[in-house]
C-alpha atoms as a PDB file:
ATOM      1  CA  UNK A   1       2.337  -9.678  -9.826  1.00  0.00           C
ATOM      2  CA  UNK A   2       2.194 -11.638 -13.056  1.00  0.00           C
ATOM      3  CA  UNK A   3       1.241  -9.420 -16.496  1.00  0.00           C
ATOM      4  CA  UNK A   4      -2.597  -9.650 -16.611  1.00  0.00           C
ATOM      5  CA  UNK A   5      -4.247  -8.862 -20.354  1.00  0.00           C
ATOM      6  CA  UNK A   6      -8.294  -9.248 -20.449  1.00  0.00           C
ATOM      7  CA  UNK A   7      -9.585 -11.727 -23.031  1.00  0.00           C
ATOM      8  CA  UNK A   8     -10.037 -11.037 -26.729  1.00  0.00           C
ATOM      9  CA  UNK A   9      -7.144  -7.671 -26.131  1.00  0.00           C
ATOM     10  CA  UNK A  10     -10.139  -5.760 -24.965  1.00  0.00           C
ATOM     11  CA  UNK A  11      -9.008  -2.578 -22.855  1.00  0.00           C
ATOM     12  CA  UNK A  12     -12.699  -2.479 -21.183  1.00  0.00           C
ATOM     13  CA  UNK A  13     -14.643  -4.945 -18.996  1.00  0.00           C
ATOM     14  CA  UNK A  14     -18.454  -4.153 -18.033  1.00  0.00           C
ATOM     15  CA  UNK A  15     -20.675  -5.470 -15.212  1.00  0.00           C
ATOM     16  CA  UNK A  16     -23.982  -5.168 -14.147  1.00  0.00           C
ATOM     17  CA  UNK A  17     -25.546  -7.222 -11.664  1.00  0.00           C
ATOM     18  CA  UNK A  18     -28.702  -7.165  -8.777  1.00  0.00           C
ATOM     19  CA  UNK A  19     -25.704  -7.951  -7.007  1.00  0.00           C
ATOM     20  CA  UNK A  20     -24.480  -4.657  -6.840  1.00  0.00           C
ATOM     21  CA  UNK A  21     -27.712  -3.609  -5.191  1.00  0.00           C
ATOM     22  CA  UNK A  22     -27.741  -5.216  -2.205  1.00  0.00           C
ATOM     23  CA  UNK A  23     -26.757  -3.134   0.843  1.00  0.00           C
ATOM     24  CA  UNK A  24     -24.560  -3.915   3.357  1.00  0.00           C
ATOM     25  CA  UNK A  25     -25.222  -5.635   7.107  1.00  0.00           C
ATOM     26  CA  UNK A  26     -26.321  -3.001   9.343  1.00  0.00           C
ATOM     27  CA  UNK A  27     -26.721  -0.147   6.598  1.00  0.00           C
ATOM     28  CA  UNK A  28     -30.533   1.686   7.459  1.00  0.00           C
ATOM     29  CA  UNK A  29     -32.424   4.173   6.528  1.00  0.00           C
ATOM     30  CA  UNK A  30     -30.472   4.759   3.215  1.00  0.00           C
ATOM     31  CA  UNK A  31     -32.317   4.213  -0.525  1.00  0.00           C
ATOM     32  CA  UNK A  32     -31.006   1.632  -2.480  1.00  0.00           C
ATOM     33  CA  UNK A  33     -30.924   2.142  -6.404  1.00  0.00           C
ATOM     34  CA  UNK A  34     -34.061   0.047  -8.512  1.00  0.00           C
ATOM     35  CA  UNK A  35     -31.967  -0.266 -11.427  1.00  0.00           C
ATOM     36  CA  UNK A  36     -28.050  -1.854 -11.219  1.00  0.00           C
ATOM     37  CA  UNK A  37     -25.430   0.096 -12.470  1.00  0.00           C
ATOM     38  CA  UNK A  38     -23.479  -0.565 -15.106  1.00  0.00           C
ATOM     39  CA  UNK A  39     -19.341  -0.218 -14.206  1.00  0.00           C
ATOM     40  CA  UNK A  40     -16.892  -0.103 -17.038  1.00  0.00           C
ATOM     41  CA  UNK A  41     -13.277  -1.202 -15.727  1.00  0.00           C
ATOM     42  CA  UNK A  42     -10.290  -0.140 -17.880  1.00  0.00           C
ATOM     43  CA  UNK A  43      -7.627  -1.602 -18.025  1.00  0.00           C
ATOM     44  CA  UNK A  44      -4.388   0.294 -17.805  1.00  0.00           C
ATOM     45  CA  UNK A  45      -1.633  -1.152 -20.581  1.00  0.00           C
ATOM     46  CA  UNK A  46       1.956  -0.917 -17.923  1.00  0.00           C
ATOM     47  CA  UNK A  47       0.441  -2.051 -15.270  1.00  0.00           C
ATOM     48  CA  UNK A  48       1.592  -5.032 -14.165  1.00  0.00           C
ATOM     49  CA  UNK A  49       2.694  -4.767 -10.701  1.00  0.00           C
ATOM     50  CA  UNK A  50       0.980  -4.181  -7.809  1.00  0.00           C
ATOM     51  CA  UNK A  51      -1.014  -0.667  -7.702  1.00  0.00           C
ATOM     52  CA  UNK A  52      -2.355   1.439  -4.753  1.00  0.00           C
ATOM     53  CA  UNK A  53      -4.859   2.987  -6.349  1.00  0.00           C
ATOM     54  CA  UNK A  54      -6.800   4.555  -3.329  1.00  0.00           C
ATOM     55  CA  UNK A  55      -2.989   6.153  -2.091  1.00  0.00           C
ATOM     56  CA  UNK A  56      -3.308   9.886  -1.912  1.00  0.00           C
ATOM     57  CA  UNK A  57      -0.385  10.657  -3.809  1.00  0.00           C
ATOM     58  CA  UNK A  58      -1.188   8.327  -6.629  1.00  0.00           C
ATOM     59  CA  UNK A  59       1.535   5.798  -5.797  1.00  0.00           C
ATOM     60  CA  UNK A  60       1.580   2.541  -7.871  1.00  0.00           C
ATOM     61  CA  UNK A  61      -0.806   3.691 -10.088  1.00  0.00           C
ATOM     62  CA  UNK A  62      -0.759   3.156 -14.222  1.00  0.00           C
ATOM     63  CA  UNK A  63      -0.358   6.532 -15.063  1.00  0.00           C
ATOM     64  CA  UNK A  64       2.129   9.064 -13.665  1.00  0.00           C
ATOM     65  CA  UNK A  65      -0.732  10.470 -11.079  1.00  0.00           C
ATOM     66  CA  UNK A  66      -2.117  13.604 -10.701  1.00  0.00           C
ATOM     67  CA  UNK A  67      -2.773  17.267 -12.122  1.00  0.00           C
ATOM     68  CA  UNK A  68      -0.073  19.340  -9.900  1.00  0.00           C
ATOM     69  CA  UNK A  69       1.179  22.194 -11.811  1.00  0.00           C
ATOM     70  CA  UNK A  70      -0.092  25.401 -13.005  1.00  0.00           C
ATOM     71  CA  UNK A  71      -3.315  24.871 -15.622  1.00  0.00           C
ATOM     72  CA  UNK A  72      -1.821  27.861 -18.747  1.00  0.00           C
ATOM     73  CA  UNK A  73      -3.797  28.700 -21.720  1.00  0.00           C
ATOM     74  CA  UNK A  74      -2.005  28.636 -24.771  1.00  0.00           C
ATOM     75  CA  UNK A  75      -1.726  31.011 -27.390  1.00  0.00           C
ATOM     76  CA  UNK A  76      -3.150  28.087 -29.741  1.00  0.00           C
ATOM     77  CA  UNK A  77      -6.360  27.374 -27.566  1.00  0.00           C
ATOM     78  CA  UNK A  78      -4.953  25.097 -25.576  1.00  0.00           C
ATOM     79  CA  UNK A  79      -4.346  24.366 -21.782  1.00  0.00           C
ATOM     80  CA  UNK A  80      -0.964  23.245 -20.648  1.00  0.00           C
ATOM     81  CA  UNK A  81      -0.322  20.530 -17.131  1.00  0.00           C
ATOM     82  CA  UNK A  82       1.953  18.224 -16.366  1.00  0.00           C
ATOM     83  CA  UNK A  83       1.358  15.363 -13.773  1.00  0.00           C
ATOM     84  CA  UNK A  84       3.468  14.687 -10.563  1.00  0.00           C
ATOM     85  CA  UNK A  85       3.265  10.842  -9.119  1.00  0.00           C
ATOM     86  CA  UNK A  86       3.666  12.089  -5.774  1.00  0.00           C
ATOM     87  CA  UNK A  87       6.576  10.738  -3.277  1.00  0.00           C
ATOM     88  CA  UNK A  88      10.092   9.799  -4.472  1.00  0.00           C
ATOM     89  CA  UNK A  89       9.336   6.955  -3.147  1.00  0.00           C
ATOM     90  CA  UNK A  90       7.775   5.282  -5.523  1.00  0.00           C
ATOM     91  CA  UNK A  91       8.877   6.874  -8.293  1.00  0.00           C
ATOM     92  CA  UNK A  92      11.099   3.919  -8.770  1.00  0.00           C
ATOM     93  CA  UNK A  93      11.435   0.849 -11.259  1.00  0.00           C
ATOM     94  CA  UNK A  94       9.522  -1.401  -8.512  1.00  0.00           C
ATOM     95  CA  UNK A  95       6.189   0.811  -9.261  1.00  0.00           C
ATOM     96  CA  UNK A  96       6.863   0.631 -12.787  1.00  0.00           C
ATOM     97  CA  UNK A  97       7.215   4.710 -12.841  1.00  0.00           C
ATOM     98  CA  UNK A  98       9.297   6.041 -15.904  1.00  0.00           C
ATOM     99  CA  UNK A  99       8.514   9.835 -15.162  1.00  0.00           C
ATOM    100  CA  UNK A 100       5.897  12.580 -15.565  1.00  0.00           C
ATOM    101  CA  UNK A 101       3.986  13.619 -18.587  1.00  0.00           C
ATOM    102  CA  UNK A 102       2.995  17.109 -20.160  1.00  0.00           C
ATOM    103  CA  UNK A 103      -0.476  17.088 -21.574  1.00  0.00           C
ATOM    104  CA  UNK A 104      -2.218  19.646 -23.289  1.00  0.00           C
ATOM    105  CA  UNK A 105      -6.395  19.844 -22.937  1.00  0.00           C
ATOM    106  CA  UNK A 106      -8.411  21.369 -25.373  1.00  0.00           C
ATOM    107  CA  UNK A 107     -11.632  22.918 -24.284  1.00  0.00           C
ATOM    108  CA  UNK A 108     -12.897  23.842 -27.348  1.00  0.00           C
ATOM    109  CA  UNK A 109     -13.155  20.232 -28.498  1.00  0.00           C
ATOM    110  CA  UNK A 110     -12.618  18.156 -25.213  1.00  0.00           C
ATOM    111  CA  UNK A 111      -9.888  16.672 -26.228  1.00  0.00           C
ATOM    112  CA  UNK A 112      -6.415  16.075 -24.421  1.00  0.00           C
ATOM    113  CA  UNK A 113      -3.285  14.239 -25.484  1.00  0.00           C
ATOM    114  CA  UNK A 114       0.532  13.792 -23.737  1.00  0.00           C
ATOM    115  CA  UNK A 115       2.557  15.724 -25.524  1.00  0.00           C
ATOM    116  CA  UNK A 116       5.740  14.174 -23.986  1.00  0.00           C
ATOM    117  CA  UNK A 117       6.267  11.212 -21.812  1.00  0.00           C
ATOM    118  CA  UNK A 118       8.999  11.269 -19.126  1.00  0.00           C
ATOM    119  CA  UNK A 119      10.558  14.256 -20.736  1.00  0.00           C
ATOM    120  CA  UNK A 120      13.229  14.116 -17.752  1.00  0.00           C
ATOM    121  CA  UNK A 121      13.577  10.392 -17.317  1.00  0.00           C
ATOM    122  CA  UNK A 122      12.473   9.637 -13.407  1.00  0.00           C
ATOM    123  CA  UNK A 123      11.672  12.973 -12.639  1.00  0.00           C
ATOM    124  CA  UNK A 124       8.323  14.343 -10.841  1.00  0.00           C
ATOM    125  CA  UNK A 125       6.899  17.686 -12.349  1.00  0.00           C
ATOM    126  CA  UNK A 126       5.224  19.158 -10.202  1.00  0.00           C
ATOM    127  CA  UNK A 127       5.030  23.061 -11.178  1.00  0.00           C
ATOM    128  CA  UNK A 128       5.529  24.541 -14.221  1.00  0.00           C
ATOM    129  CA  UNK A 129       4.705  27.739 -16.497  1.00  0.00           C
ATOM    130  CA  UNK A 130       4.072  28.312 -20.127  1.00  0.00           C
ATOM    131  CA  UNK A 131       5.336  30.727 -22.562  1.00  0.00           C
ATOM    132  CA  UNK A 132       1.463  31.206 -24.009  1.00  0.00           C
ATOM    133  CA  UNK A 133       3.274  33.254 -27.152  1.00  0.00           C
ATOM    134  CA  UNK A 134       6.282  30.471 -27.885  1.00  0.00           C
ATOM    135  CA  UNK A 135       4.235  27.779 -26.231  1.00  0.00           C
ATOM    136  CA  UNK A 136       7.546  27.034 -24.323  1.00  0.00           C
ATOM    137  CA  UNK A 137       6.131  25.363 -21.153  1.00  0.00           C
ATOM    138  CA  UNK A 138       8.823  25.259 -18.225  1.00  0.00           C
ATOM    139  CA  UNK A 139       8.680  22.571 -15.768  1.00  0.00           C
ATOM    140  CA  UNK A 140      10.189  22.146 -12.070  1.00  0.00           C
ATOM    141  CA  UNK A 141      11.387  18.932 -11.635  1.00  0.00           C
ATOM    142  CA  UNK A 142      12.179  16.566  -8.719  1.00  0.00           C
ATOM    143  CA  UNK A 143      14.950  14.091  -9.253  1.00  0.00           C
ATOM    144  CA  UNK A 144      14.107  10.627  -7.772  1.00  0.00           C
ATOM    145  CA  UNK A 145      14.941   9.679  -4.343  1.00  0.00           C
ATOM    146  CA  UNK A 146      15.197  13.310  -3.564  1.00  0.00           C
ATOM    147  CA  UNK A 147      15.846  13.494   0.159  1.00  0.00           C
ATOM    148  CA  UNK A 148      17.808  15.967   0.459  1.00  0.00           C
ATOM    149  CA  UNK A 149      17.984  17.545   3.985  1.00  0.00           C
ATOM    150  CA  UNK A 150      19.329  20.969   5.443  1.00  0.00           C
ATOM    151  CA  UNK A 151      21.598  21.107   8.006  1.00  0.00           C
ATOM    152  CA  UNK A 152      18.661  21.430  10.332  1.00  0.00           C
ATOM    153  CA  UNK A 153      17.050  18.627   9.505  1.00  0.00           C
ATOM    154  CA  UNK A 154      14.693  19.925   7.240  1.00  0.00           C
ATOM    155  CA  UNK A 155      13.313  18.666   3.921  1.00  0.00           C
ATOM    156  CA  UNK A 156      14.384  20.450   1.053  1.00  0.00           C
ATOM    157  CA  UNK A 157      13.304  19.651  -3.402  1.00  0.00           C
ATOM    158  CA  UNK A 158      16.210  19.482  -5.388  1.00  0.00           C
ATOM    159  CA  UNK A 159      13.906  21.434  -8.732  1.00  0.00           C
ATOM    160  CA  UNK A 160      15.166  22.036 -12.443  1.00  0.00           C
ATOM    161  CA  UNK A 161      13.967  24.253 -14.700  1.00  0.00           C
ATOM    162  CA  UNK A 162      13.188  22.130 -18.329  1.00  0.00           C
ATOM    163  CA  UNK A 163      11.757  23.672 -21.266  1.00  0.00           C
ATOM    164  CA  UNK A 164       9.803  21.774 -23.654  1.00  0.00           C
ATOM    165  CA  UNK A 165       8.588  23.859 -27.039  1.00  0.00           C
ATOM    166  CA  UNK A 166       5.366  22.212 -28.604  1.00  0.00           C
ATOM    167  CA  UNK A 167       6.572  23.595 -32.129  1.00  0.00           C
ATOM    168  CA  UNK A 168       5.134  21.878 -34.790  1.00  0.00           C
END
């Protein structure tokens, strides 16, 4: 899929049309809104490959995936967590995967920020724990193409612990 940018360098495309109110054939006994909704489509830079947005793993989406780790409150009042792209079958260059993110969120201001993009390149971060006083984030990472199996054929994970400090 070739790289596609929105006209004028915009990052959001808005669509609103009465066409959105037309029910599909066969729909019965369902109320339909009177006014069409406004739908905003957000363009994610870097989504220059075919995505699979309806995958339960987040395979092929622009961001690393979903929150999979713990949500831990730091002494600074921020929540700390990591993303998890999911299946190591798609944590590859083909899907534009660089690595998962460590994010923090301030509940008091409703602001979030990525504090580390792919701290361990090409690794998922499915689990974590935060030392809240020292603000050290420990992330359990899974290496790409981690298809290890035991001698009994059971799947095993290869986890490593990666400390990350957010001290200024």
